[in-house]
């Protein structure tokens, strides 16, 4: 099953911070693309660890 999540990106000094609203997962990167890729990986790891039962 494919799910969609909301990502909010903000810039904090020299970093882009990416936050998955629904899961509370946060990651960062030096570029927008890097922050998005890091967030995607963090969300995948979160779902592997905790599952999707409570979503």
Protein backbone atom coordinates (compact mmCIF):
# COMPACT_ATOMS: atom_id res chain seq x y z
CA UNK A 1 0.00 0.00 0.00
CA UNK A 2 1.27 3.43 -0.91
CA UNK A 3 0.77 6.29 1.56
CA UNK A 4 1.32 10.00 1.18
CA UNK A 5 2.65 12.19 3.95
CA UNK A 6 3.02 15.94 4.30
CA UNK A 7 6.55 17.33 4.40
CA UNK A 8 7.31 20.85 5.60
CA UNK A 9 10.72 22.28 4.77
CA UNK A 10 12.24 25.29 6.49
CA UNK A 11 15.64 26.89 6.33
CA UNK A 12 17.63 27.32 9.52
CA UNK A 13 20.94 29.09 8.94
CA UNK A 14 22.94 26.78 6.61
CA UNK A 15 20.57 23.80 6.81
CA UNK A 16 17.21 22.83 5.38
CA UNK A 17 15.03 21.06 7.93
CA UNK A 18 12.38 18.64 6.70
CA UNK A 19 9.52 17.59 8.98
CA UNK A 20 6.93 14.88 8.31
CA UNK A 21 3.82 16.35 9.90
CA UNK A 22 1.85 13.12 10.38
CA UNK A 23 4.67 11.10 11.95
CA UNK A 24 6.72 13.77 13.70
CA UNK A 25 9.86 12.58 11.89
CA UNK A 26 12.50 15.26 11.26
CA UNK A 27 15.65 15.29 9.15
CA UNK A 28 17.94 17.85 7.57
CA UNK A 29 20.28 18.50 4.66
CA UNK A 30 22.50 21.15 3.13
CA UNK A 31 20.16 21.42 0.11
CA UNK A 32 16.41 21.04 -0.32
CA UNK A 33 16.94 17.85 -2.30
CA UNK A 34 19.22 16.39 0.36
CA UNK A 35 16.76 17.26 3.13
CA UNK A 36 13.91 15.62 1.19
CA UNK A 37 15.95 12.48 0.50
CA UNK A 38 17.03 12.27 4.15
CA UNK A 39 13.44 12.70 5.32
CA UNK A 40 12.23 9.99 2.95
CA UNK A 41 14.84 7.61 4.34
CA UNK A 42 13.96 8.56 7.94
CA UNK A 43 10.23 7.97 7.29
CA UNK A 44 10.95 4.57 5.71
CA UNK A 45 13.05 3.58 8.73
CA UNK A 46 10.33 4.82 11.09
CA UNK A 47 7.68 2.75 9.31
CA UNK A 48 9.93 -0.33 9.32
CA UNK A 49 10.46 0.05 13.06
CA UNK A 50 6.97 1.02 14.21
CA UNK A 51 4.71 -0.11 11.37
CA UNK A 52 1.65 1.61 10.02
CA UNK A 53 -0.96 0.12 12.37
CA UNK A 54 -1.54 3.37 14.27
CA UNK A 55 -1.74 5.65 11.22
